[in-house]
Amino acid sequence: MVTFTRFTLGILLLFSLSVLNAQSKSTQKVLDTEAQRFAAMMRADTLALRPMLAEDLVYVHSNALKENKSEHLAAIASKKLVYEKMDREAASVRFYGKTALVNGIVKVQGKLKGNAFEVRLLYLAVYRKKKGAWVLINWQSTSKV
């Protein structure tokens, strides 16, 4: 009986570790995708950015400006909105099937219509796994003092 209990506990431990490892890899993949998106935004590389964004994207900036995918890409391409620096300070990821929610803090420097800004944002990013890639479907941020 003791041997069976140890065996069962060992199997449960291995299973738990494999689940945690899978979640850890999934978490890292989402955060890597987000870092790549931030980098594309800073380079104003809308060609690289386009497939990272869902067709039905809803992007709500901290100033309450709401954009869809084409509006967001156009603002970056036209230099109306320039992201000079985006430093993620913290992020946590939760999964619900093929959906990932990222709650984070990011410090952003840039220009909006030629006017410099620097903000520290609390954000919620919603990603959906599509054909093996994480795609942003929603962004909402608010200023953090």
Protein backbone atom coordinates (compact mmCIF):
# COMPACT_ATOMS: atom_id res chain seq x y z
CA MET A 1 0.00 0.00 0.00
CA VAL A 2 2.83 2.43 0.87
CA THR A 3 4.54 1.69 -2.45
CA PHE A 4 1.30 2.31 -4.36
CA THR A 5 0.73 5.62 -2.51
CA ARG A 6 4.28 6.79 -3.24
CA PHE A 7 3.90 5.75 -6.86
CA THR A 8 0.59 7.62 -7.15
CA LEU A 9 2.05 10.72 -5.50
CA GLY A 10 5.07 10.52 -7.81
CA ILE A 11 2.83 10.36 -10.88
CA LEU A 12 0.75 13.29 -9.61
CA LEU A 13 3.91 15.32 -8.98
CA LEU A 14 5.25 14.62 -12.46
CA PHE A 15 1.89 15.51 -14.00
CA SER A 16 1.74 18.75 -11.99
CA LEU A 17 5.26 19.70 -13.03
CA SER A 18 4.51 19.01 -16.69
CA VAL A 19 1.35 21.16 -16.52
CA LEU A 20 3.28 23.98 -14.84
CA ASN A 21 6.03 23.70 -17.44
CA ALA A 22 3.47 23.85 -20.26
CA GLN A 23 1.81 26.89 -18.67
CA SER A 24 5.22 28.49 -18.20
CA LYS A 25 6.04 27.95 -21.89
CA SER A 26 2.65 29.30 -22.94
CA THR A 27 3.06 32.32 -20.67
CA GLN A 28 6.50 33.01 -22.13
CA LYS A 29 5.15 32.68 -25.68
CA VAL A 30 2.43 35.26 -25.01
CA LEU A 31 4.91 37.66 -23.37
CA ASP A 32 7.38 37.16 -26.25
CA THR A 33 4.60 37.91 -28.73
CA GLU A 34 3.77 41.07 -26.82
CA ALA A 35 7.44 42.13 -26.78
CA GLN A 36 7.62 41.59 -30.54
CA ARG A 37 4.49 43.70 -30.97
CA PHE A 38 5.95 46.49 -28.85
CA ALA A 39 9.19 46.34 -30.90
CA ALA A 40 7.27 46.54 -34.19
CA MET A 41 5.34 49.54 -32.85
CA MET A 42 8.59 51.31 -31.89
CA ARG A 43 10.04 50.63 -35.37
CA ALA A 44 6.76 51.75 -36.96
CA ASP A 45 6.92 48.44 -38.82
CA THR A 46 3.29 48.06 -39.75
CA LEU A 47 4.12 45.18 -42.11
CA ALA A 48 5.37 43.13 -39.13
CA LEU A 49 2.64 44.48 -36.85
CA ARG A 50 -0.32 43.70 -39.15
CA PRO A 51 -0.44 39.89 -38.57
CA MET A 52 -0.09 40.40 -34.80
CA LEU A 53 -3.43 42.23 -34.71
CA ALA A 54 -6.86 40.65 -35.10
CA GLU A 55 -9.08 41.90 -37.91
CA ASP A 56 -11.69 42.92 -35.30
CA LEU A 57 -9.14 44.60 -32.99
CA VAL A 58 -10.42 47.09 -30.43
CA TYR A 59 -7.56 49.30 -29.21
CA VAL A 60 -8.42 51.79 -26.46
CA HIS A 61 -5.65 54.21 -25.54
CA SER A 62 -5.23 55.77 -22.11
CA ASN A 63 -6.69 59.04 -23.44
CA ALA A 64 -9.91 57.12 -24.36
CA LEU A 65 -9.15 57.19 -28.11
CA LYS A 66 -10.63 54.01 -29.59
CA GLU A 67 -9.17 52.55 -32.79
CA ASN A 68 -9.81 49.54 -34.96
CA LYS A 69 -6.99 47.67 -36.70
CA SER A 70 -6.78 49.88 -39.78
CA GLU A 71 -6.95 53.09 -37.73
CA HIS A 72 -4.23 51.88 -35.37
CA LEU A 73 -1.92 50.86 -38.21
CA ALA A 74 -2.59 54.12 -40.09
CA ALA A 75 -1.76 56.25 -37.02
CA ILE A 76 1.59 54.46 -36.67
CA ALA A 77 2.39 54.45 -40.40
CA SER A 78 1.63 58.18 -40.78
CA LYS A 79 3.73 59.05 -37.71
CA LYS A 80 0.68 60.67 -36.13
CA LEU A 81 1.52 58.33 -33.26
CA VAL A 82 5.19 57.55 -32.69
CA TYR A 83 6.27 55.03 -30.08
CA GLU A 84 9.88 55.80 -29.15
CA LYS A 85 10.18 53.57 -26.11
CA MET A 86 8.01 50.90 -24.51
CA ASP A 87 9.37 49.29 -21.35
CA ARG A 88 7.20 46.62 -19.79
CA GLU A 89 7.69 46.74 -16.02
CA ALA A 90 5.38 43.91 -15.04
CA ALA A 91 2.96 41.45 -16.57
CA SER A 92 0.88 38.47 -15.52
CA VAL A 93 -0.88 36.09 -17.88
CA ARG A 94 -4.06 34.07 -17.34
CA PHE A 95 -5.40 31.53 -19.81
CA TYR A 96 -8.95 30.64 -20.73
CA GLY A 97 -8.69 28.04 -23.46
CA LYS A 98 -7.28 29.76 -26.54
CA THR A 99 -7.59 33.18 -24.92
CA ALA A 100 -4.86 34.84 -22.86
CA LEU A 101 -5.34 37.91 -20.66
CA VAL A 102 -2.27 39.97 -19.87
CA ASN A 103 -2.44 42.50 -17.04
CA GLY A 104 0.63 44.65 -17.00
CA ILE A 105 2.44 47.91 -16.51
CA VAL A 106 4.34 49.55 -19.36
CA LYS A 107 6.21 52.84 -19.53
CA VAL A 108 5.74 54.51 -22.91
CA GLN A 109 7.51 57.47 -24.49
CA GLY A 110 6.59 58.91 -27.83
CA LYS A 111 4.86 61.62 -29.78
CA LEU A 112 1.21 62.17 -30.56
CA LYS A 113 0.67 64.64 -33.42
CA GLY A 114 4.22 65.91 -32.80
CA ASN A 115 3.72 66.46 -29.07
CA ALA A 116 5.99 64.45 -26.79
CA PHE A 117 4.45 62.29 -24.11
CA GLU A 118 5.67 59.96 -21.40
CA VAL A 119 3.17 57.79 -19.57
CA ARG A 120 3.17 54.82 -17.28
CA LEU A 121 0.21 52.62 -18.09
CA LEU A 122 -1.76 49.85 -16.47
CA TYR A 123 -3.07 47.70 -19.28
CA LEU A 124 -5.16 44.72 -20.18
CA ALA A 125 -4.24 42.97 -23.42
CA VAL A 126 -6.40 40.15 -24.71
CA TYR A 127 -4.81 37.63 -27.06
CA ARG A 128 -6.41 34.77 -28.99
CA LYS A 129 -4.48 31.82 -30.32
CA LYS A 130 -5.09 31.54 -34.06
CA LYS A 131 -3.27 29.03 -36.27
CA GLY A 132 -0.61 28.57 -33.59
CA ALA A 133 0.09 32.30 -33.09
CA TRP A 134 -1.11 34.69 -30.41
CA VAL A 135 -3.00 37.64 -31.94
CA LEU A 136 -4.04 40.81 -30.08
CA ILE A 137 -7.82 41.22 -30.09
CA ASN A 138 -8.21 43.94 -27.46
CA TRP A 139 -6.05 46.52 -25.66
CA GLN A 140 -7.19 48.86 -22.94
CA SER A 141 -4.92 51.07 -20.88
CA THR A 142 -5.14 53.74 -18.25
CA SER A 143 -2.53 56.12 -16.87
CA LYS A 144 -0.77 55.04 -13.68
CA VAL A 145 0.78 57.70 -11.50
